Amino acid sequence: MPWSGGIASGGGRLSAIVEAFPVALAQMLLASGGVGVAPSLVIDLKITALGTTNTGSSMQSDPFEFPVKVCSGCLVANAANVAPCPYTAAPANAGNSCNPAQDDPVDCCTDKGTLICPPPVVSP
């Protein structure tokens, strides 16, 4: 997925969200029944950033390698006791600040059978 950002001349850093693992492939893995609550699959992602300088020269980063443990529902905090939406107070487990469904447990609620993570909060 293309995106852009500027980095100062001489080097720098830029944070960006990229699609590294296609959602359709994740859905196929889930539908196959081979992914459970415990991480049962490790996918090794190798990501290379491509770029173009202001003068039109192409450049490429060294590859970044990320092992990703795959599971279904393993980050839902209190999975056996998911409440209906909305919450009336901030959830205790907000998930990871970069992405609620990444690395940290997250509180969820249900709305018409759909799991929503983190839950919406309304004033009582």
C-alpha atoms as a PDB file:
ATOM      1  CA  MET A   1       0.000   0.000   0.000  1.00  0.00           C
ATOM      2  CA  PRO A   2       1.670   3.290  -1.050  1.00  0.00           C
ATOM      3  CA  TRP A   3       2.174   6.074   1.492  1.00  0.00           C
ATOM      4  CA  SER A   4       4.542   8.988   1.758  1.00  0.00           C
ATOM      5  CA  GLY A   5       6.482  10.953   4.336  1.00  0.00           C
ATOM      6  CA  GLY A   6       9.519  13.154   4.529  1.00  0.00           C
ATOM      7  CA  ILE A   7      12.871  12.357   6.113  1.00  0.00           C
ATOM      8  CA  ALA A   8      15.502  15.041   6.665  1.00  0.00           C
ATOM      9  CA  SER A   9      18.518  15.090   4.371  1.00  0.00           C
ATOM     10  CA  GLY A  10      21.296  12.947   5.805  1.00  0.00           C
ATOM     11  CA  GLY A  11      18.944  10.453   7.411  1.00  0.00           C
ATOM     12  CA  GLY A  12      16.143  10.251   9.907  1.00  0.00           C
ATOM     13  CA  ARG A  13      13.225   8.180  11.051  1.00  0.00           C
ATOM     14  CA  LEU A  14       9.601   7.913  10.057  1.00  0.00           C
ATOM     15  CA  SER A  15       6.852   5.875  11.664  1.00  0.00           C
ATOM     16  CA  ALA A  16       4.143   4.483   9.406  1.00  0.00           C
ATOM     17  CA  ILE A  17       1.501   1.775   9.352  1.00  0.00           C
ATOM     18  CA  VAL A  18       1.892  -0.706   6.524  1.00  0.00           C
ATOM     19  CA  GLU A  19      -0.127  -3.755   5.547  1.00  0.00           C
ATOM     20  CA  ALA A  20       2.337  -6.580   6.050  1.00  0.00           C
ATOM     21  CA  PHE A  21      -0.054  -9.524   6.192  1.00  0.00           C
ATOM     22  CA  PRO A  22      -3.154  -9.525   3.982  1.00  0.00           C
ATOM     23  CA  VAL A  23      -6.474  -9.615   5.866  1.00  0.00           C
ATOM     24  CA  ALA A  24      -7.856 -12.084   3.298  1.00  0.00           C
ATOM     25  CA  LEU A  25      -5.054 -14.532   4.108  1.00  0.00           C
ATOM     26  CA  ALA A  26      -5.715 -14.174   7.850  1.00  0.00           C
ATOM     27  CA  GLN A  27      -9.411 -14.880   7.215  1.00  0.00           C
ATOM     28  CA  MET A  28      -8.538 -18.011   5.203  1.00  0.00           C
ATOM     29  CA  LEU A  29      -6.288 -19.265   8.021  1.00  0.00           C
ATOM     30  CA  LEU A  30      -9.074 -18.711  10.545  1.00  0.00           C
ATOM     31  CA  ALA A  31     -11.637 -20.459   8.324  1.00  0.00           C
ATOM     32  CA  SER A  32      -9.311 -23.470   7.956  1.00  0.00           C
ATOM     33  CA  GLY A  33      -9.702 -24.149  11.680  1.00  0.00           C
ATOM     34  CA  GLY A  34      -5.964 -24.344  12.272  1.00  0.00           C
ATOM     35  CA  VAL A  35      -5.729 -21.208  14.404  1.00  0.00           C
ATOM     36  CA  GLY A  36      -6.821 -21.362  18.035  1.00  0.00           C
ATOM     37  CA  VAL A  37      -6.705 -19.236  21.179  1.00  0.00           C
ATOM     38  CA  ALA A  38      -3.119 -20.256  21.955  1.00  0.00           C
ATOM     39  CA  PRO A  39      -0.558 -19.027  19.403  1.00  0.00           C
ATOM     40  CA  SER A  40      -0.220 -22.035  17.138  1.00  0.00           C
ATOM     41  CA  LEU A  41       1.352 -20.526  14.050  1.00  0.00           C
ATOM     42  CA  VAL A  42       4.356 -18.263  13.498  1.00  0.00           C
ATOM     43  CA  ILE A  43       4.558 -16.257  10.299  1.00  0.00           C
ATOM     44  CA  ASP A  44       7.923 -14.739   9.422  1.00  0.00           C
ATOM     45  CA  LEU A  45       7.379 -11.418   7.682  1.00  0.00           C
ATOM     46  CA  LYS A  46      10.202  -9.798   5.720  1.00  0.00           C
ATOM     47  CA  ILE A  47       9.465  -6.162   4.908  1.00  0.00           C
ATOM     48  CA  THR A  48      11.513  -3.824   2.733  1.00  0.00           C
ATOM     49  CA  ALA A  49      10.809  -0.103   2.468  1.00  0.00           C
ATOM     50  CA  LEU A  50      11.090   1.420  -1.002  1.00  0.00           C
ATOM     51  CA  GLY A  51      11.503   5.110  -1.660  1.00  0.00           C
ATOM     52  CA  THR A  52      12.310   7.873  -4.090  1.00  0.00           C
ATOM     53  CA  THR A  53      14.435  10.920  -3.321  1.00  0.00           C
ATOM     54  CA  ASN A  54      13.484  14.484  -4.291  1.00  0.00           C
ATOM     55  CA  THR A  55      15.792  14.113  -7.294  1.00  0.00           C
ATOM     56  CA  GLY A  56      14.031  10.958  -8.484  1.00  0.00           C
ATOM     57  CA  SER A  57      16.598   8.374  -7.365  1.00  0.00           C
ATOM     58  CA  SER A  58      15.182   5.100  -6.083  1.00  0.00           C
ATOM     59  CA  MET A  59      16.291   3.598  -2.796  1.00  0.00           C
ATOM     60  CA  GLN A  60      15.534   0.525  -0.741  1.00  0.00           C
ATOM     61  CA  SER A  61      16.018  -0.340   2.945  1.00  0.00           C
ATOM     62  CA  ASP A  62      17.576  -3.479   4.265  1.00  0.00           C
ATOM     63  CA  PRO A  63      14.832  -6.017   4.990  1.00  0.00           C
ATOM     64  CA  PHE A  64      13.144  -5.930   8.396  1.00  0.00           C
ATOM     65  CA  GLU A  65      12.266  -9.393   9.702  1.00  0.00           C
ATOM     66  CA  PHE A  66       9.296  -9.810  12.059  1.00  0.00           C
ATOM     67  CA  PRO A  67       8.113 -13.155  13.440  1.00  0.00           C
ATOM     68  CA  VAL A  68       4.361 -12.879  14.138  1.00  0.00           C
ATOM     69  CA  LYS A  69       2.602 -15.346  16.445  1.00  0.00           C
ATOM     70  CA  VAL A  70      -0.931 -15.946  15.149  1.00  0.00           C
ATOM     71  CA  CYS A  71      -3.915 -16.808  17.345  1.00  0.00           C
ATOM     72  CA  SER A  72      -7.654 -16.185  17.420  1.00  0.00           C
ATOM     73  CA  GLY A  73      -9.049 -14.217  20.352  1.00  0.00           C
ATOM     74  CA  CYS A  74      -5.939 -14.661  22.503  1.00  0.00           C
ATOM     75  CA  LEU A  75      -5.658 -10.911  23.196  1.00  0.00           C
ATOM     76  CA  VAL A  76      -9.288 -10.488  24.301  1.00  0.00           C
ATOM     77  CA  ALA A  77      -9.083  -9.745  28.018  1.00  0.00           C
ATOM     78  CA  ASN A  78     -11.656 -11.675  30.051  1.00  0.00           C
ATOM     79  CA  ALA A  79     -12.816 -13.546  26.940  1.00  0.00           C
ATOM     80  CA  ALA A  80     -15.204 -15.680  29.009  1.00  0.00           C
ATOM     81  CA  ASN A  81     -16.959 -12.563  30.328  1.00  0.00           C
ATOM     82  CA  VAL A  82     -17.364 -10.107  27.421  1.00  0.00           C
ATOM     83  CA  ALA A  83     -20.061  -7.541  28.272  1.00  0.00           C
ATOM     84  CA  PRO A  84     -22.523  -5.871  25.886  1.00  0.00           C
ATOM     85  CA  CYS A  85     -21.554  -2.481  24.418  1.00  0.00           C
ATOM     86  CA  PRO A  86     -21.064   0.272  25.426  1.00  0.00           C
ATOM     87  CA  TYR A  87     -18.958   0.529  28.584  1.00  0.00           C
ATOM     88  CA  THR A  88     -19.851   3.263  31.090  1.00  0.00           C
ATOM     89  CA  ALA A  89     -16.230   3.675  32.258  1.00  0.00           C
ATOM     90  CA  ALA A  90     -12.843   3.482  30.578  1.00  0.00           C
ATOM     91  CA  PRO A  91     -11.752  -0.130  30.058  1.00  0.00           C
ATOM     92  CA  ALA A  92      -8.997  -1.501  32.299  1.00  0.00           C
ATOM     93  CA  ASN A  93      -7.264  -3.064  29.280  1.00  0.00           C
ATOM     94  CA  ALA A  94      -7.085  -0.603  26.390  1.00  0.00           C
ATOM     95  CA  GLY A  95      -4.706  -2.738  24.333  1.00  0.00           C
ATOM     96  CA  ASN A  96      -1.521  -1.571  22.665  1.00  0.00           C
ATOM     97  CA  SER A  97      -1.331   2.169  21.983  1.00  0.00           C
ATOM     98  CA  CYS A  98      -0.160   1.565  18.388  1.00  0.00           C
ATOM     99  CA  ASN A  99      -2.883  -0.966  17.622  1.00  0.00           C
ATOM    100  CA  PRO A 100      -5.374  -2.320  20.191  1.00  0.00           C
ATOM    101  CA  ALA A 101      -5.111  -5.822  18.706  1.00  0.00           C
ATOM    102  CA  GLN A 102      -1.325  -5.996  18.985  1.00  0.00           C
ATOM    103  CA  ASP A 103       0.661  -7.635  21.785  1.00  0.00           C
ATOM    104  CA  ASP A 104      -1.393  -6.514  24.825  1.00  0.00           C
ATOM    105  CA  PRO A 105      -4.731  -7.783  26.191  1.00  0.00           C
ATOM    106  CA  VAL A 106      -7.683  -5.560  25.287  1.00  0.00           C
ATOM    107  CA  ASP A 107     -11.167  -5.325  26.779  1.00  0.00           C
ATOM    108  CA  CYS A 108     -13.943  -5.923  24.258  1.00  0.00           C
ATOM    109  CA  CYS A 109     -17.726  -5.741  24.152  1.00  0.00           C
ATOM    110  CA  THR A 110     -20.372  -7.130  21.841  1.00  0.00           C
ATOM    111  CA  ASP A 111     -22.879  -5.234  19.727  1.00  0.00           C
ATOM    112  CA  LYS A 112     -25.432  -7.354  17.814  1.00  0.00           C
ATOM    113  CA  GLY A 113     -23.052 -10.312  17.908  1.00  0.00           C
ATOM    114  CA  THR A 114     -20.017  -8.316  16.734  1.00  0.00           C
ATOM    115  CA  LEU A 115     -16.950  -8.117  18.957  1.00  0.00           C
ATOM    116  CA  ILE A 116     -15.704  -4.499  19.351  1.00  0.00           C
ATOM    117  CA  CYS A 117     -12.228  -3.896  20.775  1.00  0.00           C
ATOM    118  CA  PRO A 118     -11.607  -1.640  22.644  1.00  0.00           C
ATOM    119  CA  PRO A 119     -15.183  -0.960  23.723  1.00  0.00           C
ATOM    120  CA  PRO A 120     -16.882   2.396  23.122  1.00  0.00           C
ATOM    121  CA  VAL A 121     -17.445   4.338  26.344  1.00  0.00           C
ATOM    122  CA  VAL A 122     -20.450   6.537  27.144  1.00  0.00           C
ATOM    123  CA  SER A 123     -21.133   8.674  30.208  1.00  0.00           C
ATOM    124  CA  PRO A 124     -23.604   7.121  32.662  1.00  0.00           C
END
